[in-house]
C-alpha atoms as a PDB file:
ATOM      1  CA  UNK A   1     191.408 220.425 -48.280  1.00  0.00           C
ATOM      2  CA  UNK A   2     192.238 222.159 -51.588  1.00  0.00           C
ATOM      3  CA  UNK A   3     192.817 225.478 -49.793  1.00  0.00           C
ATOM      4  CA  UNK A   4     195.168 223.810 -47.327  1.00  0.00           C
ATOM      5  CA  UNK A   5     197.153 222.247 -50.174  1.00  0.00           C
ATOM      6  CA  UNK A   6     197.465 225.578 -52.015  1.00  0.00           C
ATOM      7  CA  UNK A   7     198.582 227.251 -48.790  1.00  0.00           C
ATOM      8  CA  UNK A   8     201.194 224.529 -48.270  1.00  0.00           C
ATOM      9  CA  UNK A   9     202.553 224.987 -51.794  1.00  0.00           C
ATOM     10  CA  UNK A  10     202.726 228.757 -51.308  1.00  0.00           C
ATOM     11  CA  UNK A  11     204.593 228.336 -48.032  1.00  0.00           C
ATOM     12  CA  UNK A  12     207.038 225.891 -49.626  1.00  0.00           C
ATOM     13  CA  UNK A  13     207.673 228.265 -52.529  1.00  0.00           C
ATOM     14  CA  UNK A  14     208.119 231.189 -50.146  1.00  0.00           C
ATOM     15  CA  UNK A  15     210.475 229.218 -47.906  1.00  0.00           C
ATOM     16  CA  UNK A  16     212.577 227.965 -50.826  1.00  0.00           C
ATOM     17  CA  UNK A  17     212.507 231.231 -52.804  1.00  0.00           C
ATOM     18  CA  UNK A  18     216.128 232.180 -51.896  1.00  0.00           C
ATOM     19  CA  UNK A  19     217.321 228.906 -53.398  1.00  0.00           C
ATOM     20  CA  UNK A  20     215.280 229.450 -56.546  1.00  0.00           C
ATOM     21  CA  UNK A  21     216.600 232.996 -56.875  1.00  0.00           C
ATOM     22  CA  UNK A  22     220.164 231.756 -56.527  1.00  0.00           C
ATOM     23  CA  UNK A  23     219.547 229.068 -59.126  1.00  0.00           C
ATOM     24  CA  UNK A  24     218.072 231.629 -61.521  1.00  0.00           C
ATOM     25  CA  UNK A  25     221.014 233.975 -60.887  1.00  0.00           C
ATOM     26  CA  UNK A  26     223.403 231.237 -62.035  1.00  0.00           C
ATOM     27  CA  UNK A  27     221.718 231.155 -65.442  1.00  0.00           C
ATOM     28  CA  UNK A  28     221.460 234.941 -65.644  1.00  0.00           C
ATOM     29  CA  UNK A  29     225.063 235.783 -64.709  1.00  0.00           C
ATOM     30  CA  UNK A  30     226.803 232.651 -66.040  1.00  0.00           C
ATOM     31  CA  UNK A  31     229.574 233.002 -63.396  1.00  0.00           C
ATOM     32  CA  UNK A  32     231.902 230.411 -64.948  1.00  0.00           C
ATOM     33  CA  UNK A  33     231.300 231.600 -68.538  1.00  0.00           C
ATOM     34  CA  UNK A  34     230.282 228.144 -69.765  1.00  0.00           C
ATOM     35  CA  UNK A  35     226.566 228.505 -70.505  1.00  0.00           C
ATOM     36  CA  UNK A  36     226.904 230.863 -73.438  1.00  0.00           C
ATOM     37  CA  UNK A  37     229.411 231.330 -76.241  1.00  0.00           C
ATOM     38  CA  UNK A  38     231.767 234.270 -75.832  1.00  0.00           C
ATOM     39  CA  UNK A  39     233.811 235.795 -78.615  1.00  0.00           C
ATOM     40  CA  UNK A  40     236.649 236.737 -76.256  1.00  0.00           C
ATOM     41  CA  UNK A  41     237.823 236.384 -72.644  1.00  0.00           C
ATOM     42  CA  UNK A  42     239.972 239.495 -72.206  1.00  0.00           C
ATOM     43  CA  UNK A  43     240.882 239.338 -68.498  1.00  0.00           C
ATOM     44  CA  UNK A  44     240.329 236.739 -65.819  1.00  0.00           C
ATOM     45  CA  UNK A  45     240.920 239.002 -62.791  1.00  0.00           C
ATOM     46  CA  UNK A  46     238.688 237.679 -59.996  1.00  0.00           C
ATOM     47  CA  UNK A  47     237.054 235.187 -62.335  1.00  0.00           C
ATOM     48  CA  UNK A  48     237.067 231.392 -62.251  1.00  0.00           C
ATOM     49  CA  UNK A  49     237.617 230.665 -65.909  1.00  0.00           C
ATOM     50  CA  UNK A  50     238.192 227.138 -67.147  1.00  0.00           C
ATOM     51  CA  UNK A  51     241.077 227.403 -69.599  1.00  0.00           C
ATOM     52  CA  UNK A  52     240.099 224.142 -71.294  1.00  0.00           C
ATOM     53  CA  UNK A  53     236.708 225.655 -72.110  1.00  0.00           C
ATOM     54  CA  UNK A  54     238.222 228.928 -73.324  1.00  0.00           C
ATOM     55  CA  UNK A  55     240.709 227.223 -75.629  1.00  0.00           C
ATOM     56  CA  UNK A  56     238.002 225.019 -77.126  1.00  0.00           C
ATOM     57  CA  UNK A  57     235.478 227.833 -77.591  1.00  0.00           C
ATOM     58  CA  UNK A  58     237.899 230.344 -79.113  1.00  0.00           C
ATOM     59  CA  UNK A  59     239.082 227.634 -81.501  1.00  0.00           C
ATOM     60  CA  UNK A  60     235.521 226.931 -82.628  1.00  0.00           C
ATOM     61  CA  UNK A  61     234.724 230.652 -82.866  1.00  0.00           C
ATOM     62  CA  UNK A  62     237.562 231.328 -85.302  1.00  0.00           C
ATOM     63  CA  UNK A  63     238.481 228.060 -86.975  1.00  0.00           C
ATOM     64  CA  UNK A  64     236.246 228.448 -90.016  1.00  0.00           C
ATOM     65  CA  UNK A  65     237.767 231.826 -90.830  1.00  0.00           C
ATOM     66  CA  UNK A  66     241.343 231.112 -89.780  1.00  0.00           C
ATOM     67  CA  UNK A  67     241.674 227.453 -90.783  1.00  0.00           C
ATOM     68  CA  UNK A  68     244.271 226.927 -88.058  1.00  0.00           C
ATOM     69  CA  UNK A  69     247.095 224.590 -89.004  1.00  0.00           C
ATOM     70  CA  UNK A  70     249.739 225.232 -86.304  1.00  0.00           C
ATOM     71  CA  UNK A  71     249.158 224.486 -82.616  1.00  0.00           C
ATOM     72  CA  UNK A  72     250.869 224.858 -79.227  1.00  0.00           C
ATOM     73  CA  UNK A  73     249.839 222.298 -76.601  1.00  0.00           C
ATOM     74  CA  UNK A  74     250.580 222.050 -72.894  1.00  0.00           C
ATOM     75  CA  UNK A  75     249.712 223.428 -69.477  1.00  0.00           C
ATOM     76  CA  UNK A  76     249.917 227.065 -68.365  1.00  0.00           C
ATOM     77  CA  UNK A  77     253.690 226.611 -68.521  1.00  0.00           C
ATOM     78  CA  UNK A  78     253.326 226.524 -72.301  1.00  0.00           C
ATOM     79  CA  UNK A  79     251.699 229.965 -72.216  1.00  0.00           C
ATOM     80  CA  UNK A  80     255.042 231.786 -72.528  1.00  0.00           C
ATOM     81  CA  UNK A  81     255.599 230.222 -75.945  1.00  0.00           C
ATOM     82  CA  UNK A  82     253.783 233.114 -77.560  1.00  0.00           C
ATOM     83  CA  UNK A  83     252.358 232.359 -80.976  1.00  0.00           C
ATOM     84  CA  UNK A  84     253.894 235.467 -82.539  1.00  0.00           C
ATOM     85  CA  UNK A  85     257.351 234.251 -81.403  1.00  0.00           C
ATOM     86  CA  UNK A  86     256.773 230.759 -82.781  1.00  0.00           C
ATOM     87  CA  UNK A  87     255.288 231.982 -86.069  1.00  0.00           C
ATOM     88  CA  UNK A  88     258.680 233.374 -87.114  1.00  0.00           C
ATOM     89  CA  UNK A  89     260.089 229.846 -87.243  1.00  0.00           C
ATOM     90  CA  UNK A  90     257.185 228.106 -88.969  1.00  0.00           C
ATOM     91  CA  UNK A  91     256.077 230.797 -91.448  1.00  0.00           C
ATOM     92  CA  UNK A  92     252.504 230.731 -90.197  1.00  0.00           C
ATOM     93  CA  UNK A  93     251.029 234.115 -89.177  1.00  0.00           C
ATOM     94  CA  UNK A  94     248.215 232.614 -87.100  1.00  0.00           C
ATOM     95  CA  UNK A  95     249.233 229.657 -84.911  1.00  0.00           C
ATOM     96  CA  UNK A  96     246.753 228.632 -82.203  1.00  0.00           C
ATOM     97  CA  UNK A  97     247.513 228.133 -78.516  1.00  0.00           C
ATOM     98  CA  UNK A  98     245.394 225.131 -77.497  1.00  0.00           C
ATOM     99  CA  UNK A  99     246.461 224.799 -73.844  1.00  0.00           C
ATOM    100  CA  UNK A 100     244.656 224.044 -70.576  1.00  0.00           C
ATOM    101  CA  UNK A 101     245.390 224.488 -66.890  1.00  0.00           C
ATOM    102  CA  UNK A 102     247.509 221.609 -65.554  1.00  0.00           C
ATOM    103  CA  UNK A 103     247.237 219.867 -68.906  1.00  0.00           C
ATOM    104  CA  UNK A 104     248.214 216.202 -69.093  1.00  0.00           C
ATOM    105  CA  UNK A 105     248.827 213.790 -71.957  1.00  0.00           C
ATOM    106  CA  UNK A 106     245.138 212.798 -72.013  1.00  0.00           C
ATOM    107  CA  UNK A 107     244.131 216.412 -72.621  1.00  0.00           C
ATOM    108  CA  UNK A 108     246.726 216.875 -75.364  1.00  0.00           C
ATOM    109  CA  UNK A 109     245.598 213.653 -77.051  1.00  0.00           C
ATOM    110  CA  UNK A 110     241.925 214.711 -76.865  1.00  0.00           C
ATOM    111  CA  UNK A 111     242.662 218.110 -78.386  1.00  0.00           C
ATOM    112  CA  UNK A 112     244.676 216.693 -81.260  1.00  0.00           C
ATOM    113  CA  UNK A 113     241.966 214.114 -81.925  1.00  0.00           C
ATOM    114  CA  UNK A 114     239.352 216.886 -81.880  1.00  0.00           C
ATOM    115  CA  UNK A 115     241.325 219.077 -84.298  1.00  0.00           C
ATOM    116  CA  UNK A 116     241.843 216.106 -86.601  1.00  0.00           C
ATOM    117  CA  UNK A 117     238.099 215.390 -86.528  1.00  0.00           C
ATOM    118  CA  UNK A 118     237.358 219.003 -87.528  1.00  0.00           C
ATOM    119  CA  UNK A 119     239.262 218.422 -90.756  1.00  0.00           C
ATOM    120  CA  UNK A 120     242.111 220.849 -90.066  1.00  0.00           C
ATOM    121  CA  UNK A 121     245.443 220.271 -91.742  1.00  0.00           C
ATOM    122  CA  UNK A 122     247.929 220.037 -88.865  1.00  0.00           C
ATOM    123  CA  UNK A 123     251.125 221.416 -90.409  1.00  0.00           C
ATOM    124  CA  UNK A 124     252.989 222.340 -87.210  1.00  0.00           C
ATOM    125  CA  UNK A 125     252.791 221.338 -83.574  1.00  0.00           C
ATOM    126  CA  UNK A 126     254.704 222.368 -80.460  1.00  0.00           C
ATOM    127  CA  UNK A 127     254.167 220.197 -77.382  1.00  0.00           C
ATOM    128  CA  UNK A 128     255.421 221.445 -73.997  1.00  0.00           C
ATOM    129  CA  UNK A 129     255.796 218.677 -71.408  1.00  0.00           C
ATOM    130  CA  UNK A 130     256.375 219.048 -67.668  1.00  0.00           C
ATOM    131  CA  UNK A 131     256.180 216.957 -64.493  1.00  0.00           C
ATOM    132  CA  UNK A 132     252.371 216.815 -64.646  1.00  0.00           C
ATOM    133  CA  UNK A 133     252.065 215.714 -68.252  1.00  0.00           C
ATOM    134  CA  UNK A 134     252.221 212.074 -67.182  1.00  0.00           C
ATOM    135  CA  UNK A 135     251.421 212.510 -63.494  1.00  0.00           C
ATOM    136  CA  UNK A 136     248.560 215.019 -63.041  1.00  0.00           C
ATOM    137  CA  UNK A 137     247.833 216.010 -59.451  1.00  0.00           C
ATOM    138  CA  UNK A 138     244.544 217.797 -60.175  1.00  0.00           C
ATOM    139  CA  UNK A 139     241.130 216.206 -60.645  1.00  0.00           C
ATOM    140  CA  UNK A 140     240.109 216.796 -64.248  1.00  0.00           C
ATOM    141  CA  UNK A 141     236.696 215.274 -63.520  1.00  0.00           C
ATOM    142  CA  UNK A 142     235.605 217.502 -60.620  1.00  0.00           C
ATOM    143  CA  UNK A 143     237.593 220.762 -60.394  1.00  0.00           C
ATOM    144  CA  UNK A 144     235.769 223.570 -62.202  1.00  0.00           C
ATOM    145  CA  UNK A 145     239.121 225.021 -63.290  1.00  0.00           C
ATOM    146  CA  UNK A 146     240.249 221.716 -64.764  1.00  0.00           C
ATOM    147  CA  UNK A 147     237.121 220.028 -66.152  1.00  0.00           C
ATOM    148  CA  UNK A 148     237.711 218.811 -69.688  1.00  0.00           C
ATOM    149  CA  UNK A 149     235.365 220.380 -72.207  1.00  0.00           C
ATOM    150  CA  UNK A 150     232.578 217.936 -73.035  1.00  0.00           C
ATOM    151  CA  UNK A 151     233.239 218.380 -76.755  1.00  0.00           C
ATOM    152  CA  UNK A 152     236.750 217.013 -76.240  1.00  0.00           C
ATOM    153  CA  UNK A 153     236.189 214.381 -73.583  1.00  0.00           C
ATOM    154  CA  UNK A 154     232.918 212.932 -74.880  1.00  0.00           C
ATOM    155  CA  UNK A 155     231.274 213.500 -71.493  1.00  0.00           C
ATOM    156  CA  UNK A 156     227.505 213.940 -71.419  1.00  0.00           C
ATOM    157  CA  UNK A 157     226.799 217.631 -71.960  1.00  0.00           C
ATOM    158  CA  UNK A 158     224.199 217.852 -69.179  1.00  0.00           C
ATOM    159  CA  UNK A 159     226.493 216.204 -66.628  1.00  0.00           C
ATOM    160  CA  UNK A 160     229.297 218.560 -67.633  1.00  0.00           C
ATOM    161  CA  UNK A 161     227.148 221.639 -66.937  1.00  0.00           C
ATOM    162  CA  UNK A 162     225.714 220.087 -63.787  1.00  0.00           C
ATOM    163  CA  UNK A 163     229.196 220.056 -62.247  1.00  0.00           C
ATOM    164  CA  UNK A 164     229.523 223.813 -62.733  1.00  0.00           C
ATOM    165  CA  UNK A 165     226.013 224.402 -61.410  1.00  0.00           C
ATOM    166  CA  UNK A 166     226.778 222.429 -58.226  1.00  0.00           C
ATOM    167  CA  UNK A 167     230.093 224.267 -57.800  1.00  0.00           C
ATOM    168  CA  UNK A 168     228.185 227.567 -57.641  1.00  0.00           C
ATOM    169  CA  UNK A 169     226.726 226.466 -54.297  1.00  0.00           C
ATOM    170  CA  UNK A 170     229.835 224.842 -52.811  1.00  0.00           C
ATOM    171  CA  UNK A 171     232.172 226.515 -50.308  1.00  0.00           C
ATOM    172  CA  UNK A 172     230.200 229.784 -50.376  1.00  0.00           C
ATOM    173  CA  UNK A 173     231.179 230.346 -53.983  1.00  0.00           C
ATOM    174  CA  UNK A 174     228.031 232.321 -54.802  1.00  0.00           C
ATOM    175  CA  UNK A 175     228.716 234.688 -51.872  1.00  0.00           C
ATOM    176  CA  UNK A 176     232.289 235.308 -53.080  1.00  0.00           C
ATOM    177  CA  UNK A 177     231.074 235.745 -56.638  1.00  0.00           C
ATOM    178  CA  UNK A 178     228.514 238.440 -55.811  1.00  0.00           C
ATOM    179  CA  UNK A 179     231.060 240.119 -53.538  1.00  0.00           C
ATOM    180  CA  UNK A 180     233.510 240.424 -56.444  1.00  0.00           C
ATOM    181  CA  UNK A 181     230.701 241.546 -58.727  1.00  0.00           C
ATOM    182  CA  UNK A 182     229.735 244.379 -56.382  1.00  0.00           C
ATOM    183  CA  UNK A 183     233.058 245.424 -54.850  1.00  0.00           C
ATOM    184  CA  UNK A 184     235.536 244.566 -57.638  1.00  0.00           C
ATOM    185  CA  UNK A 185     238.281 243.566 -55.227  1.00  0.00           C
ATOM    186  CA  UNK A 186     239.854 240.478 -53.746  1.00  0.00           C
ATOM    187  CA  UNK A 187     239.390 239.513 -50.094  1.00  0.00           C
ATOM    188  CA  UNK A 188     241.299 236.887 -48.129  1.00  0.00           C
ATOM    189  CA  UNK A 189     238.256 234.657 -47.591  1.00  0.00           C
ATOM    190  CA  UNK A 190     237.982 234.195 -51.371  1.00  0.00           C
ATOM    191  CA  UNK A 191     241.170 232.125 -51.490  1.00  0.00           C
ATOM    192  CA  UNK A 192     240.595 228.833 -53.287  1.00  0.00           C
ATOM    193  CA  UNK A 193     237.759 230.215 -55.393  1.00  0.00           C
ATOM    194  CA  UNK A 194     239.328 233.345 -56.865  1.00  0.00           C
ATOM    195  CA  UNK A 195     242.850 234.531 -57.494  1.00  0.00           C
ATOM    196  CA  UNK A 196     244.141 238.060 -57.107  1.00  0.00           C
ATOM    197  CA  UNK A 197     245.812 237.953 -60.514  1.00  0.00           C
ATOM    198  CA  UNK A 198     245.506 239.646 -63.873  1.00  0.00           C
ATOM    199  CA  UNK A 199     245.817 237.231 -66.770  1.00  0.00           C
ATOM    200  CA  UNK A 200     245.059 238.253 -70.337  1.00  0.00           C
ATOM    201  CA  UNK A 201     243.750 236.008 -73.109  1.00  0.00           C
ATOM    202  CA  UNK A 202     244.442 237.275 -76.608  1.00  0.00           C
ATOM    203  CA  UNK A 203     241.811 236.953 -79.330  1.00  0.00           C
ATOM    204  CA  UNK A 204     242.214 234.610 -82.306  1.00  0.00           C
ATOM    205  CA  UNK A 205     245.615 233.151 -81.293  1.00  0.00           C
ATOM    206  CA  UNK A 206     244.465 232.468 -77.701  1.00  0.00           C
ATOM    207  CA  UNK A 207     247.755 233.335 -76.012  1.00  0.00           C
ATOM    208  CA  UNK A 208     247.708 233.391 -72.205  1.00  0.00           C
ATOM    209  CA  UNK A 209     249.671 236.308 -70.712  1.00  0.00           C
ATOM    210  CA  UNK A 210     250.587 236.812 -67.034  1.00  0.00           C
ATOM    211  CA  UNK A 211     249.918 240.545 -67.195  1.00  0.00           C
ATOM    212  CA  UNK A 212     249.830 241.006 -63.422  1.00  0.00           C
ATOM    213  CA  UNK A 213     253.330 239.598 -62.999  1.00  0.00           C
ATOM    214  CA  UNK A 214     254.638 241.659 -65.909  1.00  0.00           C
ATOM    215  CA  UNK A 215     253.231 244.884 -64.444  1.00  0.00           C
ATOM    216  CA  UNK A 216     254.633 244.198 -60.959  1.00  0.00           C
ATOM    217  CA  UNK A 217     258.113 243.409 -62.267  1.00  0.00           C
ATOM    218  CA  UNK A 218     258.101 246.505 -64.465  1.00  0.00           C
ATOM    219  CA  UNK A 219     257.073 248.671 -61.510  1.00  0.00           C
ATOM    220  CA  UNK A 220     259.734 247.358 -59.091  1.00  0.00           C
ATOM    221  CA  UNK A 221     261.646 244.208 -59.984  1.00  0.00           C
ATOM    222  CA  UNK A 222     263.770 244.300 -56.817  1.00  0.00           C
ATOM    223  CA  UNK A 223     260.725 244.387 -54.554  1.00  0.00           C
ATOM    224  CA  UNK A 224     259.081 241.649 -56.641  1.00  0.00           C
ATOM    225  CA  UNK A 225     261.965 239.204 -56.198  1.00  0.00           C
ATOM    226  CA  UNK A 226     262.442 240.068 -52.542  1.00  0.00           C
ATOM    227  CA  UNK A 227     259.002 238.686 -51.813  1.00  0.00           C
ATOM    228  CA  UNK A 228     258.535 235.162 -50.519  1.00  0.00           C
ATOM    229  CA  UNK A 229     257.785 233.679 -53.943  1.00  0.00           C
ATOM    230  CA  UNK A 230     260.538 231.076 -54.188  1.00  0.00           C
ATOM    231  CA  UNK A 231     261.888 228.230 -52.076  1.00  0.00           C
ATOM    232  CA  UNK A 232     265.549 227.271 -51.839  1.00  0.00           C
ATOM    233  CA  UNK A 233     266.331 224.478 -54.266  1.00  0.00           C
ATOM    234  CA  UNK A 234     268.467 221.416 -53.607  1.00  0.00           C
ATOM    235  CA  UNK A 235     272.107 221.743 -54.500  1.00  0.00           C
ATOM    236  CA  UNK A 236     272.117 218.279 -56.044  1.00  0.00           C
ATOM    237  CA  UNK A 237     270.035 217.459 -59.084  1.00  0.00           C
ATOM    238  CA  UNK A 238     267.026 215.227 -58.428  1.00  0.00           C
ATOM    239  CA  UNK A 239     265.573 212.907 -61.067  1.00  0.00           C
ATOM    240  CA  UNK A 240     261.833 212.317 -61.299  1.00  0.00           C
ATOM    241  CA  UNK A 241     260.491 208.801 -60.927  1.00  0.00           C
ATOM    242  CA  UNK A 242     259.515 207.018 -64.134  1.00  0.00           C
ATOM    243  CA  UNK A 243     255.938 208.091 -64.952  1.00  0.00           C
ATOM    244  CA  UNK A 244     255.079 206.729 -68.393  1.00  0.00           C
ATOM    245  CA  UNK A 245     253.625 203.233 -68.300  1.00  0.00           C
ATOM    246  CA  UNK A 246     251.132 200.981 -70.044  1.00  0.00           C
ATOM    247  CA  UNK A 247     248.339 201.342 -67.451  1.00  0.00           C
ATOM    248  CA  UNK A 248     244.991 202.341 -68.936  1.00  0.00           C
ATOM    249  CA  UNK A 249     243.833 205.897 -68.174  1.00  0.00           C
ATOM    250  CA  UNK A 250     240.330 207.384 -67.984  1.00  0.00           C
ATOM    251  CA  UNK A 251     239.780 207.113 -71.742  1.00  0.00           C
ATOM    252  CA  UNK A 252     240.763 203.451 -71.926  1.00  0.00           C
ATOM    253  CA  UNK A 253     244.201 204.094 -73.421  1.00  0.00           C
ATOM    254  CA  UNK A 254     247.580 203.895 -71.766  1.00  0.00           C
ATOM    255  CA  UNK A 255     250.018 206.796 -71.918  1.00  0.00           C
ATOM    256  CA  UNK A 256     252.137 204.893 -74.418  1.00  0.00           C
ATOM    257  CA  UNK A 257     249.086 204.257 -76.596  1.00  0.00           C
ATOM    258  CA  UNK A 258     248.162 207.953 -76.507  1.00  0.00           C
ATOM    259  CA  UNK A 259     251.690 208.940 -77.507  1.00  0.00           C
ATOM    260  CA  UNK A 260     251.503 206.484 -80.398  1.00  0.00           C
ATOM    261  CA  UNK A 261     248.060 207.803 -81.391  1.00  0.00           C
ATOM    262  CA  UNK A 262     249.397 211.378 -81.387  1.00  0.00           C
ATOM    263  CA  UNK A 263     252.291 210.257 -83.580  1.00  0.00           C
ATOM    264  CA  UNK A 264     249.760 208.603 -85.885  1.00  0.00           C
ATOM    265  CA  UNK A 265     247.932 211.926 -86.291  1.00  0.00           C
ATOM    266  CA  UNK A 266     251.242 213.659 -87.020  1.00  0.00           C
ATOM    267  CA  UNK A 267     252.110 211.018 -89.609  1.00  0.00           C
ATOM    268  CA  UNK A 268     248.720 211.419 -91.271  1.00  0.00           C
ATOM    269  CA  UNK A 269     249.207 215.175 -91.662  1.00  0.00           C
ATOM    270  CA  UNK A 270     252.965 215.015 -92.220  1.00  0.00           C
ATOM    271  CA  UNK A 271     253.219 217.400 -89.276  1.00  0.00           C
ATOM    272  CA  UNK A 272     256.438 219.221 -88.468  1.00  0.00           C
ATOM    273  CA  UNK A 273     256.570 218.973 -84.688  1.00  0.00           C
ATOM    274  CA  UNK A 274     258.758 219.621 -81.646  1.00  0.00           C
ATOM    275  CA  UNK A 275     258.406 218.205 -78.138  1.00  0.00           C
ATOM    276  CA  UNK A 276     259.993 220.152 -75.282  1.00  0.00           C
ATOM    277  CA  UNK A 277     260.509 219.022 -71.696  1.00  0.00           C
ATOM    278  CA  UNK A 278     260.535 222.478 -70.117  1.00  0.00           C
ATOM    279  CA  UNK A 279     263.009 224.023 -67.655  1.00  0.00           C
ATOM    280  CA  UNK A 280     260.933 224.017 -64.476  1.00  0.00           C
ATOM    281  CA  UNK A 281     262.014 225.882 -61.346  1.00  0.00           C
ATOM    282  CA  UNK A 282     262.251 222.689 -59.279  1.00  0.00           C
ATOM    283  CA  UNK A 283     265.214 221.651 -61.483  1.00  0.00           C
ATOM    284  CA  UNK A 284     264.088 218.023 -61.358  1.00  0.00           C
ATOM    285  CA  UNK A 285     265.493 216.013 -64.226  1.00  0.00           C
ATOM    286  CA  UNK A 286     263.073 214.070 -66.411  1.00  0.00           C
ATOM    287  CA  UNK A 287     263.474 210.340 -65.889  1.00  0.00           C
ATOM    288  CA  UNK A 288     265.634 208.921 -68.655  1.00  0.00           C
ATOM    289  CA  UNK A 289     263.241 205.983 -69.156  1.00  0.00           C
ATOM    290  CA  UNK A 290     260.422 208.474 -69.825  1.00  0.00           C
ATOM    291  CA  UNK A 291     262.621 210.529 -72.128  1.00  0.00           C
ATOM    292  CA  UNK A 292     263.598 207.388 -74.024  1.00  0.00           C
ATOM    293  CA  UNK A 293     259.936 206.322 -74.307  1.00  0.00           C
ATOM    294  CA  UNK A 294     258.999 209.664 -75.885  1.00  0.00           C
ATOM    295  CA  UNK A 295     262.033 209.622 -78.187  1.00  0.00           C
ATOM    296  CA  UNK A 296     261.234 206.064 -79.261  1.00  0.00           C
ATOM    297  CA  UNK A 297     257.756 207.118 -80.396  1.00  0.00           C
ATOM    298  CA  UNK A 298     258.579 210.526 -81.885  1.00  0.00           C
ATOM    299  CA  UNK A 299     262.244 210.249 -82.831  1.00  0.00           C
ATOM    300  CA  UNK A 300     265.251 211.693 -80.996  1.00  0.00           C
ATOM    301  CA  UNK A 301     265.580 214.616 -83.393  1.00  0.00           C
ATOM    302  CA  UNK A 302     262.156 215.944 -82.401  1.00  0.00           C
ATOM    303  CA  UNK A 303     262.460 215.768 -78.591  1.00  0.00           C
ATOM    304  CA  UNK A 304     264.337 218.316 -76.449  1.00  0.00           C
ATOM    305  CA  UNK A 305     265.177 218.119 -72.760  1.00  0.00           C
ATOM    306  CA  UNK A 306     265.698 221.351 -70.798  1.00  0.00           C
ATOM    307  CA  UNK A 307     265.002 219.881 -67.351  1.00  0.00           C
ATOM    308  CA  UNK A 308     267.438 219.703 -64.434  1.00  0.00           C
ATOM    309  CA  UNK A 309     270.183 222.118 -63.396  1.00  0.00           C
ATOM    310  CA  UNK A 310     271.243 224.229 -66.362  1.00  0.00           C
ATOM    311  CA  UNK A 311     271.736 227.794 -67.590  1.00  0.00           C
ATOM    312  CA  UNK A 312     267.993 228.255 -68.045  1.00  0.00           C
ATOM    313  CA  UNK A 313     266.894 226.954 -64.650  1.00  0.00           C
ATOM    314  CA  UNK A 314     269.615 228.573 -62.521  1.00  0.00           C
ATOM    315  CA  UNK A 315     268.690 232.314 -62.766  1.00  0.00           C
ATOM    316  CA  UNK A 316     265.847 233.328 -60.463  1.00  0.00           C
ATOM    317  CA  UNK A 317     265.026 236.115 -62.901  1.00  0.00           C
ATOM    318  CA  UNK A 318     263.925 233.522 -65.470  1.00  0.00           C
ATOM    319  CA  UNK A 319     260.782 232.816 -63.425  1.00  0.00           C
ATOM    320  CA  UNK A 320     257.591 234.606 -62.444  1.00  0.00           C
ATOM    321  CA  UNK A 321     257.256 232.254 -59.470  1.00  0.00           C
ATOM    322  CA  UNK A 322     257.952 228.561 -58.790  1.00  0.00           C
ATOM    323  CA  UNK A 323     255.488 227.316 -61.421  1.00  0.00           C
ATOM    324  CA  UNK A 324     256.076 229.443 -64.514  1.00  0.00           C
ATOM    325  CA  UNK A 325     259.140 230.522 -66.420  1.00  0.00           C
ATOM    326  CA  UNK A 326     259.163 233.689 -68.544  1.00  0.00           C
ATOM    327  CA  UNK A 327     258.744 234.328 -72.277  1.00  0.00           C
ATOM    328  CA  UNK A 328     262.462 235.148 -72.529  1.00  0.00           C
ATOM    329  CA  UNK A 329     263.169 231.506 -71.629  1.00  0.00           C
ATOM    330  CA  UNK A 330     260.716 230.250 -74.243  1.00  0.00           C
ATOM    331  CA  UNK A 331     262.343 232.447 -76.886  1.00  0.00           C
ATOM    332  CA  UNK A 332     265.758 230.981 -76.098  1.00  0.00           C
ATOM    333  CA  UNK A 333     264.322 227.474 -76.391  1.00  0.00           C
ATOM    334  CA  UNK A 334     262.630 228.222 -79.720  1.00  0.00           C
ATOM    335  CA  UNK A 335     265.818 229.693 -81.113  1.00  0.00           C
ATOM    336  CA  UNK A 336     267.862 226.700 -80.031  1.00  0.00           C
ATOM    337  CA  UNK A 337     265.547 223.925 -81.209  1.00  0.00           C
ATOM    338  CA  UNK A 338     264.879 225.482 -84.607  1.00  0.00           C
ATOM    339  CA  UNK A 339     268.498 226.395 -85.204  1.00  0.00           C
ATOM    340  CA  UNK A 340     269.483 222.816 -84.369  1.00  0.00           C
ATOM    341  CA  UNK A 341     266.983 221.428 -86.871  1.00  0.00           C
ATOM    342  CA  UNK A 342     268.342 223.760 -89.568  1.00  0.00           C
ATOM    343  CA  UNK A 343     271.915 222.557 -89.092  1.00  0.00           C
END
C-alpha cells in the first residue's frame, strides 16, 4: 500500500514537472520585472513593463536622496513633457515624471496621495489630461500593463503579484517570452503580448522616450510619414461628451471628489501647478462642461485647453502616430503657459 502511494506521488510529480518548471522559471526570470527591485529600466524593447510599477519603484529608489518636489502626471502622452524642459521654468533641476500607461484621474489622485504620505514637499505639479483621464478604456484591475501598483492602490500585495503570475500562463505568454529571450526579435504571433518598439526610461527623472520613433524619423522622415500610421480626420471639429460626474469610482470617490482632494493637497503644499488638456491627434474638443468643472476646482488661470482643431493639432509632423504628439509640441505648450502666467 505504502509503495503504491509513493509510486503514485512520483508519477504525479513527473507528470506535472513541466508546470512546476514553468512556475519556477517565473520566479527565476521575473519576466514582468515586478518581483524584485530594479535600480533602472533602460529599454523596454520586447518587454512587458508596467509603467505604473516603474514610476513607483524609481521614485522610491531615489526619493530619499533627491527629495523630489516637482512632478509631472499623466498618461504616456505626458511623456513628451521632458523634465529637463520643464525644469527651466520652475527652477528645479530634478523634477520627477510620475506617469503611467493610460493614466486616469484615479491614478493621478493615488500618486499625489502617495507622495503626500511620503512627506515630500510638493512645490510644482504639471498635470496632462486627455480623453482617457475621465473615461479610461483599459482595465486597470486586470491588464498587466495597466495594473496599479499595490503601494498606490492599497490592493493586497499577494493578489497583486498573483495577477502577474497568472498572466505568465495566459495566451501563450511564457512561450513568447522565452522566444524573445532566446532569439531577441519580434515575431507576428507575439502581437498583444509584446511590442516591436524601443522605449527608453531615464534614470532618476524617469522620463519616457520614444526612441524607436525618433530613430526611424531621423533615418527617413518621408518614408516614416508615408506609412499607414494615421487616419483621415473629420473636417468639422467634434466635441467629446461630458465625462466628469459625481458617480463613485473604484476607490469610493467620484471624479469631482478626487479633483477636490488633489486641490486640497496642492493647497496644503502651496503648490504651483498647471493643468493641460493636450492637443490630441483626433482633434476632439474637450467638453466645455468638463473644462468648466476643472476650472471651478483649480481656477481658470491654472487650466489650459489645447484640444480641438488648432495650430498644434493640424500638422501631421507634430505626431509620432495617432496617440502621441512630439516633444516639440510640449515645448511650445510649456513656453506658452509659463509666459502667460508671467504676464
